PDB file of N, CA and C in Angstrom:
ATOM      1  N   SER A   1       0.951  -1.180   0.021  1.00  0.00           N
ATOM      2  CA  SER A   1      -0.050   0.229  -0.072  1.00  0.00           C
ATOM      3  C   SER A   1       0.842   1.264   0.144  1.00  0.00           C
ATOM      4  N   ALA A   2       1.830   1.572  -1.252  1.00  0.00           N
ATOM      5  CA  ALA A   2       2.344   2.099  -0.805  1.00  0.00           C
ATOM      6  C   ALA A   2       1.953   3.715  -1.904  1.00  0.00           C
ATOM      7  N   GLY A   3       2.466   5.007  -1.497  1.00  0.00           N
ATOM      8  CA  GLY A   3       1.648   5.617  -1.848  1.00  0.00           C
ATOM      9  C   GLY A   3       0.839   6.466  -1.319  1.00  0.00           C
ATOM     10  N   GLY A   4       0.148   5.949   0.049  1.00  0.00           N
ATOM     11  CA  GLY A   4      -0.441   7.322   0.671  1.00  0.00           C
ATOM     12  C   GLY A   4       0.391   8.016   1.815  1.00  0.00           C
ATOM     13  N   PRO A   5      -0.083   8.462   2.262  1.00  0.00           N
ATOM     14  CA  PRO A   5       0.446   9.975   3.176  1.00  0.00           C
ATOM     15  C   PRO A   5       0.901   9.109   4.390  1.00  0.00           C
ATOM     16  N   VAL A   6       2.393   9.338   4.746  1.00  0.00           N
ATOM     17  CA  VAL A   6       2.931   8.956   5.936  1.00  0.00           C
ATOM     18  C   VAL A   6       2.879   9.962   7.413  1.00  0.00           C
ATOM     19  N   VAL A   7       2.751   9.622   8.497  1.00  0.00           N
ATOM     20  CA  VAL A   7       2.301  10.711   9.339  1.00  0.00           C
ATOM     21  C   VAL A   7       3.404  10.400  10.596  1.00  0.00           C
ATOM     22  N   ALA A   8       4.438  10.852  10.731  1.00  0.00           N
ATOM     23  CA  ALA A   8       5.280  10.555  11.883  1.00  0.00           C
ATOM     24  C   ALA A   8       5.441   8.947  11.974  1.00  0.00           C
ATOM     25  N   GLY A   9       5.858   8.615  10.677  1.00  0.00           N
ATOM     26  CA  GLY A   9       6.324   7.267  10.479  1.00  0.00           C
ATOM     27  C   GLY A   9       5.478   6.348   9.932  1.00  0.00           C
ATOM     28  N   VAL A  10       3.823   6.535   9.984  1.00  0.00           N
ATOM     29  CA  VAL A  10       2.882   5.950  10.345  1.00  0.00           C
ATOM     30  C   VAL A  10       2.151   5.675   8.948  1.00  0.00           C
ATOM     31  N   VAL A  11       2.475   4.737   8.044  1.00  0.00           N
ATOM     32  CA  VAL A  11       1.284   4.840   6.875  1.00  0.00           C
ATOM     33  C   VAL A  11      -0.446   4.880   7.384  1.00  0.00           C
ATOM     34  N   VAL A  12      -0.439   5.705   7.048  1.00  0.00           N
ATOM     35  CA  VAL A  12      -1.851   6.324   7.008  1.00  0.00           C
ATOM     36  C   VAL A  12      -3.334   5.370   6.498  1.00  0.00           C
ATOM     37  N   ASP A  13      -2.912   5.055   5.230  1.00  0.00           N
ATOM     38  CA  ASP A  13      -3.647   4.256   4.434  1.00  0.00           C
ATOM     39  C   ASP A  13      -4.102   2.748   5.370  1.00  0.00           C
ATOM     40  N   GLY A  14      -5.210   2.117   5.337  1.00  0.00           N
ATOM     41  CA  GLY A  14      -5.604   0.682   5.997  1.00  0.00           C
ATOM     42  C   GLY A  14      -6.780   0.778   6.582  1.00  0.00           C
ATOM     43  N   ALA A  15      -6.561  -0.665   7.270  1.00  0.00           N
ATOM     44  CA  ALA A  15      -7.555  -0.366   8.495  1.00  0.00           C
ATOM     45  C   ALA A  15      -7.353  -0.437   9.752  1.00  0.00           C
ATOM     46  N   TRP A  16      -8.223   0.191  10.646  1.00  0.00           N
ATOM     47  CA  TRP A  16      -7.748   0.567  11.961  1.00  0.00           C
ATOM     48  C   TRP A  16      -8.985  -0.129  12.830  1.00  0.00           C
ATOM     49  N   ARG A  17      -8.640  -0.536  13.943  1.00  0.00           N
ATOM     50  CA  ARG A  17      -9.944  -1.199  15.266  1.00  0.00           C
ATOM     51  C   ARG A  17      -9.645  -0.790  16.077  1.00  0.00           C
ATOM     52  N   GLY A  18     -10.688   0.072  16.740  1.00  0.00           N
ATOM     53  CA  GLY A  18     -10.194   0.322  18.437  1.00  0.00           C
ATOM     54  C   GLY A  18     -12.062   0.639  19.038  1.00  0.00           C
ATOM     55  N   SER A  19     -11.821   1.663  19.525  1.00  0.00           N
ATOM     56  CA  SER A  19     -13.136   2.223  20.256  1.00  0.00           C
ATOM     57  C   SER A  19     -12.830   3.482  20.244  1.00  0.00           C
ATOM     58  N   TYR A  20     -14.003   4.238  20.817  1.00  0.00           N
ATOM     59  CA  TYR A  20     -14.052   5.722  21.026  1.00  0.00           C
ATOM     60  C   TYR A  20     -15.459   5.642  22.327  1.00  0.00           C
ATOM     61  N   ALA A  21     -15.578   6.983  22.888  1.00  0.00           N
ATOM     62  CA  ALA A  21     -16.307   7.061  23.911  1.00  0.00           C
ATOM     63  C   ALA A  21     -17.074   8.184  23.253  1.00  0.00           C
ATOM     64  N   CYS A  22     -18.344   8.346  23.200  1.00  0.00           N
ATOM     65  CA  CYS A  22     -19.368   9.288  23.589  1.00  0.00           C
ATOM     66  C   CYS A  22     -20.622   9.020  24.560  1.00  0.00           C
ATOM     67  N   ALA A  23     -21.740   9.684  24.435  1.00  0.00           N
ATOM     68  CA  ALA A  23     -22.851  10.211  25.681  1.00  0.00           C
ATOM     69  C   ALA A  23     -23.296   8.198  25.459  1.00  0.00           C
ATOM     70  N   GLN A  24     -23.054   7.631  24.338  1.00  0.00           N
ATOM     71  CA  GLN A  24     -23.629   5.873  24.366  1.00  0.00           C
ATOM     72  C   GLN A  24     -22.459   5.431  25.396  1.00  0.00           C
ATOM     73  N   GLY A  25     -21.542   5.916  25.642  1.00  0.00           N
ATOM     74  CA  GLY A  25     -20.611   4.888  26.427  1.00  0.00           C
ATOM     75  C   GLY A  25     -19.473   4.294  25.064  1.00  0.00           C
ATOM     76  N   THR A  26     -18.777   3.566  25.734  1.00  0.00           N
ATOM     77  CA  THR A  26     -17.521   2.828  25.140  1.00  0.00           C
ATOM     78  C   THR A  26     -17.875   2.341  23.719  1.00  0.00           C
ATOM     79  N   THR A  27     -18.017   2.353  22.467  1.00  0.00           N
ATOM     80  CA  THR A  27     -18.370   1.847  21.445  1.00  0.00           C
ATOM     81  C   THR A  27     -17.191   1.302  20.616  1.00  0.00           C
ATOM     82  N   GLY A  28     -17.106   0.226  19.823  1.00  0.00           N
ATOM     83  CA  GLY A  28     -16.325  -0.346  18.885  1.00  0.00           C
ATOM     84  C   GLY A  28     -16.131   0.587  17.490  1.00  0.00           C
ATOM     85  N   LEU A  29     -15.192   0.746  17.235  1.00  0.00           N
ATOM     86  CA  LEU A  29     -14.940   1.704  15.854  1.00  0.00           C
ATOM     87  C   LEU A  29     -14.081   0.777  14.944  1.00  0.00           C
ATOM     88  N   SER A  30     -14.192   0.774  13.539  1.00  0.00           N
ATOM     89  CA  SER A  30     -13.665   0.204  12.542  1.00  0.00           C
ATOM     90  C   SER A  30     -13.677   1.284  12.026  1.00  0.00           C
ATOM     91  N   LEU A  31     -12.100   1.340  11.560  1.00  0.00           N
ATOM     92  CA  LEU A  31     -11.717   3.228  11.071  1.00  0.00           C
ATOM     93  C   LEU A  31     -11.282   2.552   9.384  1.00  0.00           C
ATOM     94  N   ARG A  32     -11.463   2.951   7.644  1.00  0.00           N
ATOM     95  CA  ARG A  32     -11.122   2.515   6.798  1.00  0.00           C
ATOM     96  C   ARG A  32     -10.475   3.506   6.379  1.00  0.00           C
ATOM     97  N   ILE A  33      -9.131   3.813   6.337  1.00  0.00           N
ATOM     98  CA  ILE A  33      -8.683   5.160   5.434  1.00  0.00           C
ATOM     99  C   ILE A  33      -7.822   4.926   4.500  1.00  0.00           C
ATOM    100  N   ALA A  34      -8.669   5.723   3.273  1.00  0.00           N
ATOM    101  CA  ALA A  34      -7.850   6.076   2.037  1.00  0.00           C
ATOM    102  C   ALA A  34      -7.026   7.129   1.589  1.00  0.00           C
ATOM    103  N   GLY A  35      -6.071   7.403   1.038  1.00  0.00           N
ATOM    104  CA  GLY A  35      -5.420   8.743   1.065  1.00  0.00           C
ATOM    105  C   GLY A  35      -4.861   8.792  -0.440  1.00  0.00           C
ATOM    106  N   THR A  36      -4.426   9.485  -1.260  1.00  0.00           N
ATOM    107  CA  THR A  36      -3.528   9.381  -2.400  1.00  0.00           C
ATOM    108  C   THR A  36      -3.226  10.783  -1.883  1.00  0.00           C
ATOM    109  N   GLY A  37      -3.109  11.490  -0.780  1.00  0.00           N
ATOM    110  CA  GLY A  37      -1.863  12.555  -0.478  1.00  0.00           C
ATOM    111  C   GLY A  37      -2.680  13.437   0.684  1.00  0.00           C
ATOM    112  N   PRO A  38      -1.830  13.844   1.360  1.00  0.00           N
ATOM    113  CA  PRO A  38      -1.858  14.728   2.890  1.00  0.00           C
ATOM    114  C   PRO A  38      -3.351  15.291   2.933  1.00  0.00           C
ATOM    115  N   ALA A  39      -3.771  16.243   1.634  1.00  0.00           N
ATOM    116  CA  ALA A  39      -4.964  16.881   1.527  1.00  0.00           C
ATOM    117  C   ALA A  39      -6.161  16.273   1.228  1.00  0.00           C
ATOM    118  N   ALA A  40      -6.097  15.146   0.562  1.00  0.00           N
ATOM    119  CA  ALA A  40      -6.812  14.059  -0.025  1.00  0.00           C
ATOM    120  C   ALA A  40      -7.236  12.413   0.915  1.00  0.00           C
ATOM    121  N   LEU A  41      -7.538  12.921   2.248  1.00  0.00           N
ATOM    122  CA  LEU A  41      -7.966  11.350   2.909  1.00  0.00           C
ATOM    123  C   LEU A  41      -9.555  10.963   2.468  1.00  0.00           C
ATOM    124  N   THR A  42     -10.010  10.250   2.620  1.00  0.00           N
ATOM    125  CA  THR A  42     -10.917   9.618   2.623  1.00  0.00           C
ATOM    126  C   THR A  42     -11.085   8.409   3.721  1.00  0.00           C
ATOM    127  N   ALA A  43     -12.532   7.841   4.243  1.00  0.00           N
ATOM    128  CA  ALA A  43     -12.098   7.424   5.710  1.00  0.00           C
ATOM    129  C   ALA A  43     -13.722   6.595   5.528  1.00  0.00           C
ATOM    130  N   THR A  44     -14.277   5.213   5.998  1.00  0.00           N
ATOM    131  CA  THR A  44     -15.488   5.078   6.616  1.00  0.00           C
ATOM    132  C   THR A  44     -15.066   4.722   8.038  1.00  0.00           C
ATOM    133  N   PHE A  45     -16.227   5.221   8.468  1.00  0.00           N
ATOM    134  CA  PHE A  45     -15.967   4.871  10.362  1.00  0.00           C
ATOM    135  C   PHE A  45     -17.527   3.699  10.283  1.00  0.00           C
ATOM    136  N   ASP A  46     -16.955   2.696  11.261  1.00  0.00           N
ATOM    137  CA  ASP A  46     -18.174   1.900  11.224  1.00  0.00           C
ATOM    138  C   ASP A  46     -18.422   1.857  12.456  1.00  0.00           C
ATOM    139  N   PHE A  47     -19.114   1.798  13.325  1.00  0.00           N
ATOM    140  CA  PHE A  47     -19.319   1.726  14.552  1.00  0.00           C
ATOM    141  C   PHE A  47     -20.219   0.769  15.213  1.00  0.00           C
ATOM    142  N   TYR A  48     -19.854  -0.073  16.030  1.00  0.00           N
ATOM    143  CA  TYR A  48     -20.666  -1.618  16.522  1.00  0.00           C
ATOM    144  C   TYR A  48     -20.949  -1.664  17.900  1.00  0.00           C
ATOM    145  N   PRO A  49     -21.629  -2.605  18.776  1.00  0.00           N
ATOM    146  CA  PRO A  49     -21.781  -2.636  19.919  1.00  0.00           C
ATOM    147  C   PRO A  49     -20.297  -3.701  20.394  1.00  0.00           C
ATOM    148  N   LEU A  50     -19.793  -3.491  21.427  1.00  0.00           N
ATOM    149  CA  LEU A  50     -18.421  -4.081  21.926  1.00  0.00           C
ATOM    150  C   LEU A  50     -19.277  -4.997  23.491  1.00  0.00           C
ATOM    151  N   PRO A  51     -18.954  -5.920  23.956  1.00  0.00           N
ATOM    152  CA  PRO A  51     -19.517  -6.636  24.787  1.00  0.00           C
ATOM    153  C   PRO A  51     -19.808  -6.356  26.199  1.00  0.00           C
ATOM    154  N   GLU A  52     -18.814  -4.677  26.521  1.00  0.00           N
ATOM    155  CA  GLU A  52     -19.496  -4.312  27.763  1.00  0.00           C
ATOM    156  C   GLU A  52     -20.250  -3.119  27.525  1.00  0.00           C
ATOM    157  N   ASN A  53     -21.019  -2.778  25.957  1.00  0.00           N
ATOM    158  CA  ASN A  53     -21.738  -2.022  25.969  1.00  0.00           C
ATOM    159  C   ASN A  53     -22.795  -2.608  24.487  1.00  0.00           C
ATOM    160  N   PRO A  54     -23.389  -3.993  25.017  1.00  0.00           N
ATOM    161  CA  PRO A  54     -23.966  -4.202  23.857  1.00  0.00           C
ATOM    162  C   PRO A  54     -25.258  -4.115  23.644  1.00  0.00           C
ATOM    163  N   THR A  55     -26.099  -2.738  23.518  1.00  0.00           N
ATOM    164  CA  THR A  55     -26.774  -2.234  23.506  1.00  0.00           C
ATOM    165  C   THR A  55     -26.420  -1.372  22.327  1.00  0.00           C
ATOM    166  N   VAL A  56     -25.537  -0.317  22.144  1.00  0.00           N
ATOM    167  CA  VAL A  56     -25.456   0.414  21.222  1.00  0.00           C
ATOM    168  C   VAL A  56     -25.546  -0.282  19.653  1.00  0.00           C
ATOM    169  N   PRO A  57     -26.524   0.701  18.734  1.00  0.00           N
ATOM    170  CA  PRO A  57     -26.489   0.375  17.261  1.00  0.00           C
ATOM    171  C   PRO A  57     -25.117   0.120  16.234  1.00  0.00           C
ATOM    172  N   ARG A  58     -25.652  -0.299  15.252  1.00  0.00           N
ATOM    173  CA  ARG A  58     -24.426  -0.312  14.270  1.00  0.00           C
ATOM    174  C   ARG A  58     -24.547   0.943  13.725  1.00  0.00           C
ATOM    175  N   GLY A  59     -23.786   1.304  13.396  1.00  0.00           N
ATOM    176  CA  GLY A  59     -23.722   2.659  11.938  1.00  0.00           C
ATOM    177  C   GLY A  59     -22.702   2.777  10.932  1.00  0.00           C
ATOM    178  N   SER A  60     -22.784   3.464  10.211  1.00  0.00           N
ATOM    179  CA  SER A  60     -21.587   3.989   9.215  1.00  0.00           C
ATOM    180  C   SER A  60     -21.849   5.060   8.925  1.00  0.00           C
ATOM    181  N   PHE A  61     -20.559   5.704   8.479  1.00  0.00           N
ATOM    182  CA  PHE A  61     -20.415   7.057   7.532  1.00  0.00           C
ATOM    183  C   PHE A  61     -19.106   7.169   6.925  1.00  0.00           C
ATOM    184  N   THR A  62     -19.242   7.796   5.938  1.00  0.00           N
ATOM    185  CA  THR A  62     -18.128   8.459   5.167  1.00  0.00           C
ATOM    186  C   THR A  62     -17.367   9.563   6.181  1.00  0.00           C
ATOM    187  N   MET A  63     -16.281   9.862   5.675  1.00  0.00           N
ATOM    188  CA  MET A  63     -15.286  11.022   6.146  1.00  0.00           C
ATOM    189  C   MET A  63     -14.329  11.119   4.906  1.00  0.00           C
ATOM    190  N   THR A  64     -14.153  12.356   5.286  1.00  0.00           N
ATOM    191  CA  THR A  64     -12.878  13.025   4.552  1.00  0.00           C
ATOM    192  C   THR A  64     -12.291  14.135   5.235  1.00  0.00           C
ATOM    193  N   GLY A  65     -10.972  14.177   5.124  1.00  0.00           N
ATOM    194  CA  GLY A  65     -10.004  14.680   5.547  1.00  0.00           C
ATOM    195  C   GLY A  65      -8.905  15.034   5.189  1.00  0.00           C
ATOM    196  N   SER A  66      -7.704  15.194   6.085  1.00  0.00           N
ATOM    197  CA  SER A  66      -6.605  15.862   5.707  1.00  0.00           C
ATOM    198  C   SER A  66      -5.374  15.375   6.532  1.00  0.00           C
ATOM    199  N   VAL A  67      -4.082  15.744   6.439  1.00  0.00           N
ATOM    200  CA  VAL A  67      -3.236  15.655   7.467  1.00  0.00           C
ATOM    201  C   VAL A  67      -2.221  17.061   7.789  1.00  0.00           C
ATOM    202  N   GLN A  68      -2.549  17.191   8.685  1.00  0.00           N
ATOM    203  CA  GLN A  68      -2.287  18.608   9.143  1.00  0.00           C
ATOM    204  C   GLN A  68      -1.356  18.522  10.488  1.00  0.00           C
ATOM    205  N   GLY A  69       0.192  19.215  10.496  1.00  0.00           N
ATOM    206  CA  GLY A  69       0.983  19.470  11.199  1.00  0.00           C
ATOM    207  C   GLY A  69       0.823  17.961  12.489  1.00  0.00           C
ATOM    208  N   GLY A  70       1.310  17.081  11.545  1.00  0.00           N
ATOM    209  CA  GLY A  70       1.334  15.757  12.110  1.00  0.00           C
ATOM    210  C   GLY A  70       0.140  14.983  12.844  1.00  0.00           C
ATOM    211  N   GLN A  71      -0.989  15.708  12.744  1.00  0.00           N
ATOM    212  CA  GLN A  71      -2.299  15.085  12.914  1.00  0.00           C
ATOM    213  C   GLN A  71      -2.970  14.451  11.605  1.00  0.00           C
ATOM    214  N   ILE A  72      -4.133  13.488  11.850  1.00  0.00           N
ATOM    215  CA  ILE A  72      -4.670  13.247  11.097  1.00  0.00           C
ATOM    216  C   ILE A  72      -5.947  13.665  11.003  1.00  0.00           C
ATOM    217  N   ARG A  73      -6.754  15.059  10.674  1.00  0.00           N
ATOM    218  CA  ARG A  73      -8.243  15.376  10.664  1.00  0.00           C
ATOM    219  C   ARG A  73      -9.208  14.277  10.025  1.00  0.00           C
ATOM    220  N   LEU A  74      -9.959  14.018  10.319  1.00  0.00           N
ATOM    221  CA  LEU A  74     -11.396  13.306   9.203  1.00  0.00           C
ATOM    222  C   LEU A  74     -12.820  14.529   9.974  1.00  0.00           C
ATOM    223  N   ASP A  75     -13.425  14.569   8.965  1.00  0.00           N
ATOM    224  CA  ASP A  75     -14.964  14.948   9.484  1.00  0.00           C
ATOM    225  C   ASP A  75     -15.669  14.352   8.549  1.00  0.00           C
ATOM    226  N   GLY A  76     -17.036  13.746   9.464  1.00  0.00           N
ATOM    227  CA  GLY A  76     -17.894  13.191   8.844  1.00  0.00           C
ATOM    228  C   GLY A  76     -18.655  13.613   7.672  1.00  0.00           C
ATOM    229  N   HIS A  77     -19.369  12.961   6.634  1.00  0.00           N
ATOM    230  CA  HIS A  77     -19.086  13.682   5.495  1.00  0.00           C
ATOM    231  C   HIS A  77     -21.066  13.048   4.448  1.00  0.00           C
ATOM    232  N   GLU A  78     -21.090  11.416   5.067  1.00  0.00           N
ATOM    233  CA  GLU A  78     -22.082  11.210   4.484  1.00  0.00           C
ATOM    234  C   GLU A  78     -22.539   9.969   5.443  1.00  0.00           C
ATOM    235  N   TRP A  79     -23.713   9.903   5.503  1.00  0.00           N
ATOM    236  CA  TRP A  79     -24.022   8.285   6.213  1.00  0.00           C
ATOM    237  C   TRP A  79     -24.044   7.313   5.193  1.00  0.00           C
ATOM    238  N   VAL A  80     -23.672   6.138   5.594  1.00  0.00           N
ATOM    239  CA  VAL A  80     -24.047   5.290   5.002  1.00  0.00           C
ATOM    240  C   VAL A  80     -25.244   4.333   5.599  1.00  0.00           C
ATOM    241  N   SER A  81     -25.135   4.038   7.031  1.00  0.00           N
ATOM    242  CA  SER A  81     -26.587   3.422   7.682  1.00  0.00           C
ATOM    243  C   SER A  81     -26.114   4.161   8.705  1.00  0.00           C
ATOM    244  N   ARG A  82     -27.963   5.125   9.190  1.00  0.00           N
ATOM    245  CA  ARG A  82     -28.180   6.212  10.390  1.00  0.00           C
ATOM    246  C   ARG A  82     -28.746   5.287  11.393  1.00  0.00           C
ATOM    247  N   PRO A  83     -28.116   4.957  12.341  1.00  0.00           N
ATOM    248  CA  PRO A  83     -29.313   4.779  13.482  1.00  0.00           C
ATOM    249  C   PRO A  83     -30.134   6.130  13.706  1.00  0.00           C
ATOM    250  N   ALA A  84     -30.877   5.817  14.146  1.00  0.00           N
ATOM    251  CA  ALA A  84     -32.004   6.818  15.031  1.00  0.00           C
ATOM    252  C   ALA A  84     -31.300   8.001  16.139  1.00  0.00           C
ATOM    253  N   GLY A  85     -31.457   8.812  16.362  1.00  0.00           N
ATOM    254  CA  GLY A  85     -30.592  10.069  17.295  1.00  0.00           C
ATOM    255  C   GLY A  85     -29.425   9.885  16.958  1.00  0.00           C
ATOM    256  N   TYR A  86     -28.510   9.289  16.154  1.00  0.00           N
ATOM    257  CA  TYR A  86     -27.199   9.402  16.108  1.00  0.00           C
ATOM    258  C   TYR A  86     -26.310  10.532  15.138  1.00  0.00           C
ATOM    259  N   GLU A  87     -25.559  11.158  15.751  1.00  0.00           N
ATOM    260  CA  GLU A  87     -24.918  12.070  14.436  1.00  0.00           C
ATOM    261  C   GLU A  87     -23.519  11.850  14.240  1.00  0.00           C
ATOM    262  N   MET A  88     -23.150  12.462  12.827  1.00  0.00           N
ATOM    263  CA  MET A  88     -21.761  11.878  13.044  1.00  0.00           C
ATOM    264  C   MET A  88     -20.612  12.544  13.721  1.00  0.00           C
ATOM    265  N   VAL A  89     -19.700  12.491  13.845  1.00  0.00           N
ATOM    266  CA  VAL A  89     -18.641  12.863  15.039  1.00  0.00           C
ATOM    267  C   VAL A  89     -17.065  12.598  13.573  1.00  0.00           C
ATOM    268  N   ASN A  90     -16.852  13.827  14.429  1.00  0.00           N
ATOM    269  CA  ASN A  90     -15.031  14.331  13.359  1.00  0.00           C
ATOM    270  C   ASN A  90     -13.931  13.356  14.733  1.00  0.00           C
ATOM    271  N   LEU A  91     -13.295  13.163  14.299  1.00  0.00           N
ATOM    272  CA  LEU A  91     -11.398  13.023  14.557  1.00  0.00           C
ATOM    273  C   LEU A  91     -10.346  13.717  14.246  1.00  0.00           C
ATOM    274  N   THR A  92     -10.026  13.976  15.600  1.00  0.00           N
ATOM    275  CA  THR A  92      -8.658  14.438  15.214  1.00  0.00           C
ATOM    276  C   THR A  92      -7.659  13.636  16.010  1.00  0.00           C
ATOM    277  N   GLY A  93      -6.511  13.082  15.313  1.00  0.00           N
ATOM    278  CA  GLY A  93      -5.757  11.998  15.878  1.00  0.00           C
ATOM    279  C   GLY A  93      -3.863  12.209  15.563  1.00  0.00           C
ATOM    280  N   THR A  94      -3.201  11.435  16.495  1.00  0.00           N
ATOM    281  CA  THR A  94      -2.057  11.779  16.237  1.00  0.00           C
ATOM    282  C   THR A  94      -1.897   9.921  16.395  1.00  0.00           C
ATOM    283  N   PRO A  95      -1.186  10.041  15.331  1.00  0.00           N
ATOM    284  CA  PRO A  95      -0.675   8.315  15.153  1.00  0.00           C
ATOM    285  C   PRO A  95       0.896   8.222  15.490  1.00  0.00           C
ATOM    286  N   ARG A  96       0.751   7.366  16.173  1.00  0.00           N
ATOM    287  CA  ARG A  96       1.766   6.892  17.083  1.00  0.00           C
ATOM    288  C   ARG A  96       2.887   5.418  16.328  1.00  0.00           C
ATOM    289  N   ALA A  97       3.996   5.234  15.812  1.00  0.00           N
ATOM    290  CA  ALA A  97       4.512   4.388  15.503  1.00  0.00           C
ATOM    291  C   ALA A  97       5.012   2.977  16.352  1.00  0.00           C
ATOM    292  N   GLY A  98       4.516   1.587  16.068  1.00  0.00           N
ATOM    293  CA  GLY A  98       4.920   1.271  16.780  1.00  0.00           C
ATOM    294  C   GLY A  98       4.217  -0.922  16.528  1.00  0.00           C
ATOM    295  N   THR A  99       4.252  -1.386  17.335  1.00  0.00           N
ATOM    296  CA  THR A  99       3.759  -2.818  16.709  1.00  0.00           C
ATOM    297  C   THR A  99       2.203  -3.178  17.865  1.00  0.00           C
ATOM    298  N   PRO A 100       1.184  -3.133  17.507  1.00  0.00           N
ATOM    299  CA  PRO A 100       1.435  -2.325  16.320  1.00  0.00           C
ATOM    300  C   PRO A 100       0.986  -0.966  15.977  1.00  0.00           C
ATOM    301  N   ASP A 101       0.798  -0.221  15.100  1.00  0.00           N
ATOM    302  CA  ASP A 101       1.078   1.275  15.048  1.00  0.00           C
ATOM    303  C   ASP A 101      -0.500   1.825  15.594  1.00  0.00           C
ATOM    304  N   ARG A 102      -0.978   2.917  16.024  1.00  0.00           N
ATOM    305  CA  ARG A 102      -2.094   3.350  16.606  1.00  0.00           C
ATOM    306  C   ARG A 102      -2.052   4.458  16.272  1.00  0.00           C
ATOM    307  N   VAL A 103      -3.155   5.058  16.393  1.00  0.00           N
ATOM    308  CA  VAL A 103      -3.888   6.529  16.099  1.00  0.00           C
ATOM    309  C   VAL A 103      -4.865   6.765  17.041  1.00  0.00           C
ATOM    310  N   GLU A 104      -4.552   7.957  17.740  1.00  0.00           N
ATOM    311  CA  GLU A 104      -5.201   8.142  19.355  1.00  0.00           C
ATOM    312  C   GLU A 104      -5.829   9.492  19.324  1.00  0.00           C
ATOM    313  N   GLY A 105      -6.843  10.060  19.879  1.00  0.00           N
ATOM    314  CA  GLY A 105      -6.925  11.555  19.925  1.00  0.00           C
ATOM    315  C   GLY A 105      -8.526  11.708  20.024  1.00  0.00           C
ATOM    316  N   SER A 106      -8.892  13.039  19.529  1.00  0.00           N
ATOM    317  CA  SER A 106      -9.950  13.704  20.286  1.00  0.00           C
ATOM    318  C   SER A 106     -11.664  13.177  19.132  1.00  0.00           C
ATOM    319  N   VAL A 107     -12.406  13.268  19.675  1.00  0.00           N
ATOM    320  CA  VAL A 107     -13.553  13.221  18.825  1.00  0.00           C
ATOM    321  C   VAL A 107     -14.118  14.340  19.115  1.00  0.00           C
ATOM    322  N   ARG A 108     -14.398  15.044  17.824  1.00  0.00           N
ATOM    323  CA  ARG A 108     -14.729  16.920  17.508  1.00  0.00           C
ATOM    324  C   ARG A 108     -16.397  16.619  17.039  1.00  0.00           C
ATOM    325  N   GLY A 109     -17.431  17.447  17.816  1.00  0.00           N
ATOM    326  CA  GLY A 109     -18.725  17.914  16.870  1.00  0.00           C
ATOM    327  C   GLY A 109     -19.970  17.252  17.829  1.00  0.00           C
ATOM    328  N   VAL A 110     -19.305  16.608  18.604  1.00  0.00           N
ATOM    329  CA  VAL A 110     -20.683  15.952  19.446  1.00  0.00           C
ATOM    330  C   VAL A 110     -20.578  16.340  20.881  1.00  0.00           C
ATOM    331  N   GLY A 111     -21.726  16.521  21.520  1.00  0.00           N
ATOM    332  CA  GLY A 111     -20.817  16.845  23.073  1.00  0.00           C
ATOM    333  C   GLY A 111     -20.859  15.727  23.632  1.00  0.00           C
ATOM    334  N   GLY A 112     -20.047  15.624  24.914  1.00  0.00           N
ATOM    335  CA  GLY A 112     -20.156  14.490  25.489  1.00  0.00           C
ATOM    336  C   GLY A 112     -19.112  13.552  25.410  1.00  0.00           C
ATOM    337  N   CYS A 113     -18.535  13.497  24.310  1.00  0.00           N
ATOM    338  CA  CYS A 113     -17.245  12.031  23.642  1.00  0.00           C
ATOM    339  C   CYS A 113     -15.666  12.648  24.137  1.00  0.00           C
ATOM    340  N   THR A 114     -15.149  11.885  24.227  1.00  0.00           N
ATOM    341  CA  THR A 114     -13.653  11.730  25.540  1.00  0.00           C
ATOM    342  C   THR A 114     -12.765  11.656  24.293  1.00  0.00           C
ATOM    343  N   GLY A 115     -12.496  10.679  23.090  1.00  0.00           N
ATOM    344  CA  GLY A 115     -11.754  10.636  22.742  1.00  0.00           C
ATOM    345  C   GLY A 115     -11.561   9.355  21.765  1.00  0.00           C
ATOM    346  N   PHE A 116     -11.091   8.711  21.455  1.00  0.00           N
ATOM    347  CA  PHE A 116     -10.790   7.143  20.375  1.00  0.00           C
ATOM    348  C   PHE A 116      -9.173   7.020  20.393  1.00  0.00           C
ATOM    349  N   SER A 117      -9.371   5.289  20.304  1.00  0.00           N
ATOM    350  CA  SER A 117      -8.149   5.267  19.865  1.00  0.00           C
ATOM    351  C   SER A 117      -8.420   3.738  19.318  1.00  0.00           C
ATOM    352  N   VAL A 118      -7.337   3.607  17.854  1.00  0.00           N
ATOM    353  CA  VAL A 118      -7.580   2.707  17.411  1.00  0.00           C
ATOM    354  C   VAL A 118      -5.938   1.923  16.694  1.00  0.00           C
ATOM    355  N   GLU A 119      -5.902   0.412  16.327  1.00  0.00           N
ATOM    356  CA  GLU A 119      -4.539   0.024  16.102  1.00  0.00           C
ATOM    357  C   GLU A 119      -5.281  -0.319  14.639  1.00  0.00           C
ATOM    358  N   ARG A 120      -4.135  -0.791  14.150  1.00  0.00           N
ATOM    359  CA  ARG A 120      -3.717  -0.953  12.792  1.00  0.00           C
ATOM    360  C   ARG A 120      -4.150  -2.636  12.654  1.00  0.00           C
ATOM    361  N   ALA A 121      -4.813  -2.735  12.118  1.00  0.00           N
ATOM    362  CA  ALA A 121      -5.457  -4.476  12.349  1.00  0.00           C
ATOM    363  C   ALA A 121      -4.916  -5.384  11.439  1.00  0.00           C
ATOM    364  N   THR A 122      -5.207  -6.268  11.658  1.00  0.00           N
ATOM    365  CA  THR A 122      -3.924  -7.079  11.030  1.00  0.00           C
ATOM    366  C   THR A 122      -5.019  -7.748   9.656  1.00  0.00           C
ATOM    367  N   PRO A 123      -4.896  -8.182   8.454  1.00  0.00           N
ATOM    368  CA  PRO A 123      -5.411  -7.781   7.559  1.00  0.00           C
ATOM    369  C   PRO A 123      -6.621  -9.328   7.640  1.00  0.00           C
ATOM    370  N   ALA A 124      -6.392 -10.499   8.746  1.00  0.00           N
ATOM    371  CA  ALA A 124      -7.271 -11.178   8.583  1.00  0.00           C
ATOM    372  C   ALA A 124      -8.566 -10.128   9.565  1.00  0.00           C
ATOM    373  N   GLU A 125      -8.505  -9.196  10.171  1.00  0.00           N
ATOM    374  CA  GLU A 125      -9.817  -8.695  10.833  1.00  0.00           C
ATOM    375  C   GLU A 125     -10.307  -7.217  10.076  1.00  0.00           C
ATOM    376  N   SER A 126      -9.534  -6.881   8.308  1.00  0.00           N
ATOM    377  CA  SER A 126     -10.194  -5.660   8.048  1.00  0.00           C
ATOM    378  C   SER A 126     -11.107  -6.648   7.185  1.00  0.00           C
TER     379      SER A 126
END
C-alpha cells in the first residue's frame, strides 16, 4: 500500500480497529482510511456494540479529511447507515508508530465525547 500519506512514520492508509467514547458509552470503531495525498484523505467510520456495551446500534458514515501538522483530521461526510438519534462525529488523531501502529486523539463535533484509540488491524481482521 505504497503511495499513501505517512504521518510520524505511520502509513495512514489501511484498516484500523479500536473504540471511541461518547454519550452512548464505549463503542467499537472500525476505521478504513485511504488517501492519495496529505490533503485528500477519505475514510469509512463503522461503529458497533462491544461486549461491555451491547445496546449500541451499528452504523456507518464516510469521512473526508487531511493530514495537518502531524495529525490526521477526519470530518463526517455522508451517512451510509444511520441509527436513529445518532450524529456523525469528527476525529483529530495523532499517529504513533509501534507494533501495532496506533492512532489516538479527540472526537469533535458532538458533546459528551472523550476520545478514540485505534490500532492497525491485521489483514485477517480488516
